[in-house]
Amino acid sequence: MDPTKKRKAAEDEYFAKIEFEKKQKALKERDLRIAMEEKEKLKALHWMRCPKCGMEMIEIDFEGIQLDKCSGCLGLFFDDGEVQQLIDKTKPGFLRRLTTVFKD
């Protein structure tokens, strides 16, 4: 085979590989962007909704901590660290005080 043709074939292969890698990278970026957009849509759809019954959650103040209470099933939901904040309080009768949140 002619050396010029070999060089041309090698160049074509190189540029095809570069083009493929660019397209592959663009597809990965697009997939990542779509996944992030889907995550944001789901977050907006479910924001402050009860995971049990889907009704709206209401923030209530309990001893200085904002807890989420369902307006439908009256379930009580804690964000990360809120249970520990309540437990760390040194006042006696933690569970008795906590039960007041469950009353209508």
PDB file of N, CA and C in Angstrom:
ATOM      1  N   MET A   1       0.850  -1.184   0.000  1.00  0.00           N
ATOM      2  CA  MET A   1       0.000   0.000   0.000  1.00  0.00           C
ATOM      3  C   MET A   1       0.889   1.238   0.000  1.00  0.00           C
ATOM      4  N   ASP A   2       0.428   2.219  -0.675  1.00  0.00           N
ATOM      5  CA  ASP A   2       1.152   3.490  -0.815  1.00  0.00           C
ATOM      6  C   ASP A   2       1.261   4.157   0.566  1.00  0.00           C
ATOM      7  N   PRO A   3       2.470   4.645   0.963  1.00  0.00           N
ATOM      8  CA  PRO A   3       2.635   5.293   2.272  1.00  0.00           C
ATOM      9  C   PRO A   3       1.714   6.504   2.471  1.00  0.00           C
ATOM     10  N   THR A   4       1.430   7.217   1.396  1.00  0.00           N
ATOM     11  CA  THR A   4       0.542   8.377   1.495  1.00  0.00           C
ATOM     12  C   THR A   4      -0.876   7.930   1.839  1.00  0.00           C
ATOM     13  N   LYS A   5      -1.310   6.836   1.226  1.00  0.00           N
ATOM     14  CA  LYS A   5      -2.646   6.305   1.518  1.00  0.00           C
ATOM     15  C   LYS A   5      -2.722   5.777   2.949  1.00  0.00           C
ATOM     16  N   LYS A   6      -1.634   5.143   3.420  1.00  0.00           N
ATOM     17  CA  LYS A   6      -1.593   4.650   4.809  1.00  0.00           C
ATOM     18  C   LYS A   6      -1.708   5.816   5.788  1.00  0.00           C
ATOM     19  N   ARG A   7      -0.957   6.863   5.514  1.00  0.00           N
ATOM     20  CA  ARG A   7      -0.986   8.044   6.384  1.00  0.00           C
ATOM     21  C   ARG A   7      -2.384   8.668   6.371  1.00  0.00           C
ATOM     22  N   LYS A   8      -2.972   8.752   5.188  1.00  0.00           N
ATOM     23  CA  LYS A   8      -4.312   9.327   5.055  1.00  0.00           C
ATOM     24  C   LYS A   8      -5.336   8.473   5.818  1.00  0.00           C
ATOM     25  N   ALA A   9      -5.213   7.158   5.719  1.00  0.00           N
ATOM     26  CA  ALA A   9      -6.127   6.252   6.426  1.00  0.00           C
ATOM     27  C   ALA A   9      -5.963   6.402   7.940  1.00  0.00           C
ATOM     28  N   ALA A  10      -4.719   6.526   8.396  1.00  0.00           N
ATOM     29  CA  ALA A  10      -4.458   6.705   9.828  1.00  0.00           C
ATOM     30  C   ALA A  10      -5.025   8.032  10.319  1.00  0.00           C
ATOM     31  N   GLU A  11      -4.879   9.089   9.505  1.00  0.00           N
ATOM     32  CA  GLU A  11      -5.437  10.396   9.873  1.00  0.00           C
ATOM     33  C   GLU A  11      -6.955  10.336   9.945  1.00  0.00           C
ATOM     34  N   ASP A  12      -7.565   9.694   8.948  1.00  0.00           N
ATOM     35  CA  ASP A  12      -9.022   9.565   8.932  1.00  0.00           C
ATOM     36  C   ASP A  12      -9.511   8.811  10.168  1.00  0.00           C
ATOM     37  N   GLU A  13      -8.797   7.743  10.505  1.00  0.00           N
ATOM     38  CA  GLU A  13      -9.160   6.965  11.688  1.00  0.00           C
ATOM     39  C   GLU A  13      -9.016   7.809  12.955  1.00  0.00           C
ATOM     40  N   TYR A  14      -7.947   8.566  13.043  1.00  0.00           N
ATOM     41  CA  TYR A  14      -7.713   9.425  14.208  1.00  0.00           C
ATOM     42  C   TYR A  14      -8.838  10.455  14.362  1.00  0.00           C
ATOM     43  N   PHE A  15      -9.152  11.149  13.268  1.00  0.00           N
ATOM     44  CA  PHE A  15     -10.183  12.181  13.336  1.00  0.00           C
ATOM     45  C   PHE A  15     -11.572  11.581  13.587  1.00  0.00           C
ATOM     46  N   ALA A  16     -11.819  10.386  13.061  1.00  0.00           N
ATOM     47  CA  ALA A  16     -13.100   9.707  13.335  1.00  0.00           C
ATOM     48  C   ALA A  16     -13.201   9.365  14.826  1.00  0.00           C
ATOM     49  N   LYS A  17     -12.078   8.931  15.394  1.00  0.00           N
ATOM     50  CA  LYS A  17     -12.067   8.602  16.819  1.00  0.00           C
ATOM     51  C   LYS A  17     -12.307   9.860  17.656  1.00  0.00           C
ATOM     52  N   ILE A  18     -11.662  10.962  17.305  1.00  0.00           N
ATOM     53  CA  ILE A  18     -11.848  12.236  18.014  1.00  0.00           C
ATOM     54  C   ILE A  18     -13.309  12.679  17.917  1.00  0.00           C
ATOM     55  N   GLU A  19     -13.872  12.588  16.719  1.00  0.00           N
ATOM     56  CA  GLU A  19     -15.273  12.989  16.514  1.00  0.00           C
ATOM     57  C   GLU A  19     -16.214  12.110  17.332  1.00  0.00           C
ATOM     58  N   PHE A  20     -15.959  10.804  17.365  1.00  0.00           N
ATOM     59  CA  PHE A  20     -16.770   9.883  18.152  1.00  0.00           C
ATOM     60  C   PHE A  20     -16.711  10.244  19.639  1.00  0.00           C
ATOM     61  N   GLU A  21     -15.504  10.509  20.145  1.00  0.00           N
ATOM     62  CA  GLU A  21     -15.351  10.863  21.560  1.00  0.00           C
ATOM     63  C   GLU A  21     -16.079  12.157  21.895  1.00  0.00           C
ATOM     64  N   LYS A  22     -16.053  13.145  20.974  1.00  0.00           N
ATOM     65  CA  LYS A  22     -16.782  14.402  21.182  1.00  0.00           C
ATOM     66  C   LYS A  22     -18.280  14.152  21.278  1.00  0.00           C
ATOM     67  N   LYS A  23     -18.787  13.343  20.347  1.00  0.00           N
ATOM     68  CA  LYS A  23     -20.220  13.040  20.339  1.00  0.00           C
ATOM     69  C   LYS A  23     -20.615  12.254  21.584  1.00  0.00           C
ATOM     70  N   GLN A  24     -19.765  11.325  21.994  1.00  0.00           N
ATOM     71  CA  GLN A  24     -20.028  10.538  23.194  1.00  0.00           C
ATOM     72  C   GLN A  24     -20.070  11.440  24.434  1.00  0.00           C
ATOM     73  N   LYS A  25     -19.141  12.376  24.511  1.00  0.00           N
ATOM     74  CA  LYS A  25     -19.107  13.313  25.634  1.00  0.00           C
ATOM     75  C   LYS A  25     -20.349  14.196  25.637  1.00  0.00           C
ATOM     76  N   ALA A  26     -20.756  14.666  24.468  1.00  0.00           N
ATOM     77  CA  ALA A  26     -21.959  15.507  24.365  1.00  0.00           C
ATOM     78  C   ALA A  26     -23.199  14.734  24.799  1.00  0.00           C
ATOM     79  N   LEU A  27     -23.284  13.462  24.427  1.00  0.00           N
ATOM     80  CA  LEU A  27     -24.423  12.640  24.843  1.00  0.00           C
ATOM     81  C   LEU A  27     -24.452  12.438  26.355  1.00  0.00           C
ATOM     82  N   LYS A  28     -23.295  12.202  26.949  1.00  0.00           N
ATOM     83  CA  LYS A  28     -23.226  12.037  28.402  1.00  0.00           C
ATOM     84  C   LYS A  28     -23.646  13.320  29.113  1.00  0.00           C
ATOM     85  N   GLU A  29     -23.189  14.466  28.600  1.00  0.00           N
ATOM     86  CA  GLU A  29     -23.570  15.751  29.193  1.00  0.00           C
ATOM     87  C   GLU A  29     -25.071  15.984  29.060  1.00  0.00           C
ATOM     88  N   ARG A  30     -25.629  15.636  27.892  1.00  0.00           N
ATOM     89  CA  ARG A  30     -27.072  15.781  27.683  1.00  0.00           C
ATOM     90  C   ARG A  30     -27.852  14.887  28.648  1.00  0.00           C
ATOM     91  N   ASP A  31     -27.405  13.633  28.800  1.00  0.00           N
ATOM     92  CA  ASP A  31     -28.077  12.706  29.713  1.00  0.00           C
ATOM     93  C   ASP A  31     -28.021  13.213  31.150  1.00  0.00           C
ATOM     94  N   LEU A  32     -26.883  13.758  31.538  1.00  0.00           N
ATOM     95  CA  LEU A  32     -26.736  14.312  32.879  1.00  0.00           C
ATOM     96  C   LEU A  32     -27.667  15.502  33.080  1.00  0.00           C
ATOM     97  N   ARG A  33     -27.728  16.382  32.079  1.00  0.00           N
ATOM     98  CA  ARG A  33     -28.616  17.549  32.157  1.00  0.00           C
ATOM     99  C   ARG A  33     -30.081  17.113  32.257  1.00  0.00           C
ATOM    100  N   ILE A  34     -30.467  16.122  31.455  1.00  0.00           N
ATOM    101  CA  ILE A  34     -31.843  15.616  31.502  1.00  0.00           C
ATOM    102  C   ILE A  34     -32.139  15.010  32.860  1.00  0.00           C
ATOM    103  N   ALA A  35     -31.204  14.260  33.415  1.00  0.00           N
ATOM    104  CA  ALA A  35     -31.396  13.659  34.739  1.00  0.00           C
ATOM    105  C   ALA A  35     -31.557  14.740  35.803  1.00  0.00           C
ATOM    106  N   MET A  36     -30.761  15.787  35.730  1.00  0.00           N
ATOM    107  CA  MET A  36     -30.871  16.880  36.695  1.00  0.00           C
ATOM    108  C   MET A  36     -32.214  17.599  36.552  1.00  0.00           C
ATOM    109  N   GLU A  37     -32.650  17.826  35.322  1.00  0.00           N
ATOM    110  CA  GLU A  37     -33.942  18.477  35.089  1.00  0.00           C
ATOM    111  C   GLU A  37     -35.080  17.622  35.626  1.00  0.00           C
ATOM    112  N   GLU A  38     -34.994  16.308  35.422  1.00  0.00           N
ATOM    113  CA  GLU A  38     -36.024  15.394  35.931  1.00  0.00           C
ATOM    114  C   GLU A  38     -36.054  15.411  37.458  1.00  0.00           C
ATOM    115  N   LYS A  39     -34.883  15.458  38.055  1.00  0.00           N
ATOM    116  CA  LYS A  39     -34.800  15.519  39.514  1.00  0.00           C
ATOM    117  C   LYS A  39     -35.451  16.801  40.029  1.00  0.00           C
ATOM    118  N   GLU A  40     -35.195  17.911  39.354  1.00  0.00           N
ATOM    119  CA  GLU A  40     -35.803  19.187  39.759  1.00  0.00           C
ATOM    120  C   GLU A  40     -37.322  19.160  39.586  1.00  0.00           C
ATOM    121  N   LYS A  41     -37.805  18.541  38.502  1.00  0.00           N
ATOM    122  CA  LYS A  41     -39.249  18.418  38.293  1.00  0.00           C
ATOM    123  C   LYS A  41     -39.891  17.609  39.415  1.00  0.00           C
ATOM    124  N   LEU A  42     -39.268  16.482  39.759  1.00  0.00           N
ATOM    125  CA  LEU A  42     -39.807  15.648  40.835  1.00  0.00           C
ATOM    126  C   LEU A  42     -39.788  16.371  42.172  1.00  0.00           C
ATOM    127  N   LYS A  43     -38.726  17.111  42.415  1.00  0.00           N
ATOM    128  CA  LYS A  43     -38.629  17.864  43.666  1.00  0.00           C
ATOM    129  C   LYS A  43     -39.745  18.901  43.739  1.00  0.00           C
ATOM    130  N   ALA A  44     -39.982  19.626  42.635  1.00  0.00           N
ATOM    131  CA  ALA A  44     -41.044  20.632  42.611  1.00  0.00           C
ATOM    132  C   ALA A  44     -42.415  19.983  42.778  1.00  0.00           C
ATOM    133  N   LEU A  45     -42.607  18.814  42.176  1.00  0.00           N
ATOM    134  CA  LEU A  45     -43.884  18.124  42.252  1.00  0.00           C
ATOM    135  C   LEU A  45     -44.184  17.626  43.663  1.00  0.00           C
ATOM    136  N   HIS A  46     -43.160  17.166  44.367  1.00  0.00           N
ATOM    137  CA  HIS A  46     -43.359  16.550  45.681  1.00  0.00           C
ATOM    138  C   HIS A  46     -42.972  17.450  46.855  1.00  0.00           C
ATOM    139  N   TRP A  47     -42.544  18.663  46.587  1.00  0.00           N
ATOM    140  CA  TRP A  47     -42.075  19.546  47.646  1.00  0.00           C
ATOM    141  C   TRP A  47     -43.179  19.795  48.665  1.00  0.00           C
ATOM    142  N   MET A  48     -42.872  19.536  49.914  1.00  0.00           N
ATOM    143  CA  MET A  48     -43.779  19.736  51.047  1.00  0.00           C
ATOM    144  C   MET A  48     -45.087  18.954  50.878  1.00  0.00           C
ATOM    145  N   ARG A  49     -44.968  17.752  50.333  1.00  0.00           N
ATOM    146  CA  ARG A  49     -46.091  16.827  50.231  1.00  0.00           C
ATOM    147  C   ARG A  49     -45.785  15.612  51.098  1.00  0.00           C
ATOM    148  N   CYS A  50     -46.814  15.094  51.736  1.00  0.00           N
ATOM    149  CA  CYS A  50     -46.654  13.938  52.621  1.00  0.00           C
ATOM    150  C   CYS A  50     -46.256  12.704  51.808  1.00  0.00           C
ATOM    151  N   PRO A  51     -45.214  12.000  52.235  1.00  0.00           N
ATOM    152  CA  PRO A  51     -44.813  10.794  51.507  1.00  0.00           C
ATOM    153  C   PRO A  51     -45.813   9.650  51.683  1.00  0.00           C
ATOM    154  N   LYS A  52     -46.676   9.748  52.684  1.00  0.00           N
ATOM    155  CA  LYS A  52     -47.647   8.686  52.946  1.00  0.00           C
ATOM    156  C   LYS A  52     -48.935   8.890  52.149  1.00  0.00           C
ATOM    157  N   CYS A  53     -49.533  10.087  52.240  1.00  0.00           N
ATOM    158  CA  CYS A  53     -50.839  10.299  51.618  1.00  0.00           C
ATOM    159  C   CYS A  53     -50.839  11.368  50.531  1.00  0.00           C
ATOM    160  N   GLY A  54     -49.749  12.121  50.380  1.00  0.00           N
ATOM    161  CA  GLY A  54     -49.642  13.105  49.317  1.00  0.00           C
ATOM    162  C   GLY A  54     -50.239  14.469  49.627  1.00  0.00           C
ATOM    163  N   MET A  55     -50.816  14.633  50.804  1.00  0.00           N
ATOM    164  CA  MET A  55     -51.404  15.925  51.159  1.00  0.00           C
ATOM    165  C   MET A  55     -50.298  16.924  51.494  1.00  0.00           C
ATOM    166  N   GLU A  56     -50.693  18.184  51.604  1.00  0.00           N
ATOM    167  CA  GLU A  56     -49.734  19.251  51.860  1.00  0.00           C
ATOM    168  C   GLU A  56     -49.196  19.173  53.290  1.00  0.00           C
ATOM    169  N   MET A  57     -47.910  19.436  53.423  1.00  0.00           N
ATOM    170  CA  MET A  57     -47.263  19.458  54.740  1.00  0.00           C
ATOM    171  C   MET A  57     -47.278  20.887  55.265  1.00  0.00           C
ATOM    172  N   ILE A  58     -47.421  21.005  56.568  1.00  0.00           N
ATOM    173  CA  ILE A  58     -47.421  22.307  57.232  1.00  0.00           C
ATOM    174  C   ILE A  58     -46.265  22.313  58.222  1.00  0.00           C
ATOM    175  N   GLU A  59     -45.461  23.367  58.179  1.00  0.00           N
ATOM    176  CA  GLU A  59     -44.364  23.480  59.149  1.00  0.00           C
ATOM    177  C   GLU A  59     -44.939  23.983  60.467  1.00  0.00           C
ATOM    178  N   ILE A  60     -44.580  23.295  61.529  1.00  0.00           N
ATOM    179  CA  ILE A  60     -44.996  23.736  62.860  1.00  0.00           C
ATOM    180  C   ILE A  60     -43.752  23.925  63.712  1.00  0.00           C
ATOM    181  N   ASP A  61     -43.843  24.803  64.659  1.00  0.00           N
ATOM    182  CA  ASP A  61     -42.730  25.055  65.565  1.00  0.00           C
ATOM    183  C   ASP A  61     -42.935  24.227  66.821  1.00  0.00           C
ATOM    184  N   PHE A  62     -41.964  23.398  67.162  1.00  0.00           N
ATOM    185  CA  PHE A  62     -41.996  22.623  68.398  1.00  0.00           C
ATOM    186  C   PHE A  62     -40.693  22.875  69.131  1.00  0.00           C
ATOM    187  N   GLU A  63     -40.775  23.653  70.162  1.00  0.00           N
ATOM    188  CA  GLU A  63     -39.624  23.981  71.004  1.00  0.00           C
ATOM    189  C   GLU A  63     -38.462  24.528  70.180  1.00  0.00           C
ATOM    190  N   GLY A  64     -38.800  25.404  69.233  1.00  0.00           N
ATOM    191  CA  GLY A  64     -37.770  26.067  68.439  1.00  0.00           C
ATOM    192  C   GLY A  64     -37.284  25.296  67.228  1.00  0.00           C
ATOM    193  N   ILE A  65     -37.878  24.142  66.963  1.00  0.00           N
ATOM    194  CA  ILE A  65     -37.484  23.324  65.822  1.00  0.00           C
ATOM    195  C   ILE A  65     -38.667  23.243  64.867  1.00  0.00           C
ATOM    196  N   GLN A  66     -38.417  23.480  63.587  1.00  0.00           N
ATOM    197  CA  GLN A  66     -39.477  23.441  62.579  1.00  0.00           C
ATOM    198  C   GLN A  66     -39.699  21.997  62.127  1.00  0.00           C
ATOM    199  N   LEU A  67     -40.851  21.426  62.503  1.00  0.00           N
ATOM    200  CA  LEU A  67     -41.209  20.073  62.101  1.00  0.00           C
ATOM    201  C   LEU A  67     -42.254  20.150  60.998  1.00  0.00           C
ATOM    202  N   ASP A  68     -42.350  19.099  60.200  1.00  0.00           N
ATOM    203  CA  ASP A  68     -43.330  19.045  59.116  1.00  0.00           C
ATOM    204  C   ASP A  68     -44.463  18.117  59.530  1.00  0.00           C
ATOM    205  N   LYS A  69     -45.702  18.637  59.488  1.00  0.00           N
ATOM    206  CA  LYS A  69     -46.875  17.861  59.873  1.00  0.00           C
ATOM    207  C   LYS A  69     -47.830  17.802  58.692  1.00  0.00           C
ATOM    208  N   CYS A  70     -48.325  16.607  58.394  1.00  0.00           N
ATOM    209  CA  CYS A  70     -49.231  16.422  57.267  1.00  0.00           C
ATOM    210  C   CYS A  70     -50.609  16.972  57.609  1.00  0.00           C
ATOM    211  N   SER A  71     -51.194  17.706  56.663  1.00  0.00           N
ATOM    212  CA  SER A  71     -52.522  18.262  56.878  1.00  0.00           C
ATOM    213  C   SER A  71     -53.604  17.204  56.689  1.00  0.00           C
ATOM    214  N   GLY A  72     -53.257  16.054  56.117  1.00  0.00           N
ATOM    215  CA  GLY A  72     -54.233  14.989  55.889  1.00  0.00           C
ATOM    216  C   GLY A  72     -54.187  13.906  56.950  1.00  0.00           C
ATOM    217  N   CYS A  73     -53.109  13.149  56.978  1.00  0.00           N
ATOM    218  CA  CYS A  73     -53.009  12.011  57.908  1.00  0.00           C
ATOM    219  C   CYS A  73     -52.414  12.400  59.253  1.00  0.00           C
ATOM    220  N   LEU A  74     -52.007  13.653  59.395  1.00  0.00           N
ATOM    221  CA  LEU A  74     -51.422  14.206  60.620  1.00  0.00           C
ATOM    222  C   LEU A  74     -50.090  13.561  60.997  1.00  0.00           C
ATOM    223  N   GLY A  75     -49.439  12.926  60.016  1.00  0.00           N
ATOM    224  CA  GLY A  75     -48.119  12.355  60.256  1.00  0.00           C
ATOM    225  C   GLY A  75     -47.110  13.457  60.548  1.00  0.00           C
ATOM    226  N   LEU A  76     -46.109  13.118  61.317  1.00  0.00           N
ATOM    227  CA  LEU A  76     -45.078  14.079  61.697  1.00  0.00           C
ATOM    228  C   LEU A  76     -43.761  13.626  61.078  1.00  0.00           C
ATOM    229  N   PHE A  77     -43.094  14.538  60.392  1.00  0.00           N
ATOM    230  CA  PHE A  77     -41.874  14.191  59.679  1.00  0.00           C
ATOM    231  C   PHE A  77     -40.741  15.116  60.113  1.00  0.00           C
ATOM    232  N   PHE A  78     -39.583  14.517  60.292  1.00  0.00           N
ATOM    233  CA  PHE A  78     -38.408  15.230  60.767  1.00  0.00           C
ATOM    234  C   PHE A  78     -37.391  15.366  59.641  1.00  0.00           C
ATOM    235  N   ASP A  79     -36.804  16.534  59.513  1.00  0.00           N
ATOM    236  CA  ASP A  79     -35.681  16.720  58.600  1.00  0.00           C
ATOM    237  C   ASP A  79     -34.425  16.197  59.288  1.00  0.00           C
ATOM    238  N   ASP A  80     -33.367  16.068  58.528  1.00  0.00           N
ATOM    239  CA  ASP A  80     -32.113  15.550  59.048  1.00  0.00           C
ATOM    240  C   ASP A  80     -31.653  16.354  60.266  1.00  0.00           C
ATOM    241  N   GLY A  81     -31.410  15.657  61.357  1.00  0.00           N
ATOM    242  CA  GLY A  81     -30.871  16.282  62.563  1.00  0.00           C
ATOM    243  C   GLY A  81     -31.910  16.781  63.554  1.00  0.00           C
ATOM    244  N   GLU A  82     -33.174  16.857  63.155  1.00  0.00           N
ATOM    245  CA  GLU A  82     -34.191  17.405  64.065  1.00  0.00           C
ATOM    246  C   GLU A  82     -34.495  16.473  65.227  1.00  0.00           C
ATOM    247  N   VAL A  83     -34.514  15.188  65.004  1.00  0.00           N
ATOM    248  CA  VAL A  83     -34.762  14.249  66.099  1.00  0.00           C
ATOM    249  C   VAL A  83     -33.648  14.369  67.132  1.00  0.00           C
ATOM    250  N   GLN A  84     -32.421  14.429  66.653  1.00  0.00           N
ATOM    251  CA  GLN A  84     -31.292  14.549  67.582  1.00  0.00           C
ATOM    252  C   GLN A  84     -31.365  15.853  68.370  1.00  0.00           C
ATOM    253  N   GLN A  85     -31.791  16.940  67.745  1.00  0.00           N
ATOM    254  CA  GLN A  85     -31.948  18.208  68.458  1.00  0.00           C
ATOM    255  C   GLN A  85     -32.963  18.069  69.581  1.00  0.00           C
ATOM    256  N   LEU A  86     -34.053  17.379  69.314  1.00  0.00           N
ATOM    257  CA  LEU A  86     -35.073  17.184  70.354  1.00  0.00           C
ATOM    258  C   LEU A  86     -34.557  16.290  71.477  1.00  0.00           C
ATOM    259  N   ILE A  87     -33.866  15.231  71.127  1.00  0.00           N
ATOM    260  CA  ILE A  87     -33.342  14.311  72.133  1.00  0.00           C
ATOM    261  C   ILE A  87     -32.293  15.002  73.002  1.00  0.00           C
ATOM    262  N   ASP A  88     -31.498  15.882  72.376  1.00  0.00           N
ATOM    263  CA  ASP A  88     -30.426  16.557  73.100  1.00  0.00           C
ATOM    264  C   ASP A  88     -30.946  17.547  74.139  1.00  0.00           C
ATOM    265  N   LYS A  89     -32.180  17.959  74.004  1.00  0.00           N
ATOM    266  CA  LYS A  89     -32.719  18.891  75.000  1.00  0.00           C
ATOM    267  C   LYS A  89     -32.791  18.160  76.344  1.00  0.00           C
ATOM    268  N   THR A  90     -32.446  18.847  77.390  1.00  0.00           N
ATOM    269  CA  THR A  90     -32.332  18.186  78.693  1.00  0.00           C
ATOM    270  C   THR A  90     -33.605  18.232  79.535  1.00  0.00           C
ATOM    271  N   LYS A  91     -34.651  18.825  78.998  1.00  0.00           N
ATOM    272  CA  LYS A  91     -35.898  18.895  79.760  1.00  0.00           C
ATOM    273  C   LYS A  91     -36.460  17.490  79.945  1.00  0.00           C
ATOM    274  N   PRO A  92     -37.029  17.199  81.120  1.00  0.00           N
ATOM    275  CA  PRO A  92     -37.593  15.868  81.359  1.00  0.00           C
ATOM    276  C   PRO A  92     -38.896  15.674  80.578  1.00  0.00           C
ATOM    277  N   GLY A  93     -39.207  14.429  80.300  1.00  0.00           N
ATOM    278  CA  GLY A  93     -40.470  14.102  79.653  1.00  0.00           C
ATOM    279  C   GLY A  93     -40.512  14.402  78.167  1.00  0.00           C
ATOM    280  N   PHE A  94     -39.427  14.121  77.482  1.00  0.00           N
ATOM    281  CA  PHE A  94     -39.357  14.408  76.053  1.00  0.00           C
ATOM    282  C   PHE A  94     -40.523  13.783  75.290  1.00  0.00           C
ATOM    283  N   LEU A  95     -40.775  12.504  75.503  1.00  0.00           N
ATOM    284  CA  LEU A  95     -41.842  11.828  74.766  1.00  0.00           C
ATOM    285  C   LEU A  95     -43.210  12.414  75.092  1.00  0.00           C
ATOM    286  N   ARG A  96     -43.436  12.779  76.344  1.00  0.00           N
ATOM    287  CA  ARG A  96     -44.715  13.386  76.724  1.00  0.00           C
ATOM    288  C   ARG A  96     -44.884  14.716  75.998  1.00  0.00           C
ATOM    289  N   ARG A  97     -43.835  15.511  75.947  1.00  0.00           N
ATOM    290  CA  ARG A  97     -43.902  16.793  75.238  1.00  0.00           C
ATOM    291  C   ARG A  97     -44.109  16.585  73.741  1.00  0.00           C
ATOM    292  N   LEU A  98     -43.470  15.565  73.181  1.00  0.00           N
ATOM    293  CA  LEU A  98     -43.587  15.309  71.762  1.00  0.00           C
ATOM    294  C   LEU A  98     -45.003  14.888  71.378  1.00  0.00           C
ATOM    295  N   THR A  99     -45.698  14.188  72.249  1.00  0.00           N
ATOM    296  CA  THR A  99     -47.059  13.746  71.940  1.00  0.00           C
ATOM    297  C   THR A  99     -48.015  14.908  71.767  1.00  0.00           C
ATOM    298  N   THR A 100     -47.692  16.086  72.284  1.00  0.00           N
ATOM    299  CA  THR A 100     -48.578  17.224  72.105  1.00  0.00           C
ATOM    300  C   THR A 100     -48.632  17.648  70.640  1.00  0.00           C
ATOM    301  N   VAL A 101     -47.644  17.315  69.863  1.00  0.00           N
ATOM    302  CA  VAL A 101     -47.622  17.658  68.446  1.00  0.00           C
ATOM    303  C   VAL A 101     -48.660  16.842  67.677  1.00  0.00           C
ATOM    304  N   PHE A 102     -48.970  15.620  68.145  1.00  0.00           N
ATOM    305  CA  PHE A 102     -49.869  14.737  67.422  1.00  0.00           C
ATOM    306  C   PHE A 102     -51.338  15.043  67.666  1.00  0.00           C
ATOM    307  N   LYS A 103     -51.643  15.867  68.645  1.00  0.00           N
ATOM    308  CA  LYS A 103     -53.029  16.202  68.948  1.00  0.00           C
ATOM    309  C   LYS A 103     -53.530  17.258  67.966  1.00  0.00           C
ATOM    310  N   ASP A 104     -54.809  17.186  67.635  1.00  0.00           N
ATOM    311  CA  ASP A 104     -55.405  18.171  66.722  1.00  0.00           C
ATOM    312  C   ASP A 104     -55.509  19.522  67.344  1.00  0.00           C
TER     313      ASP A 104
END
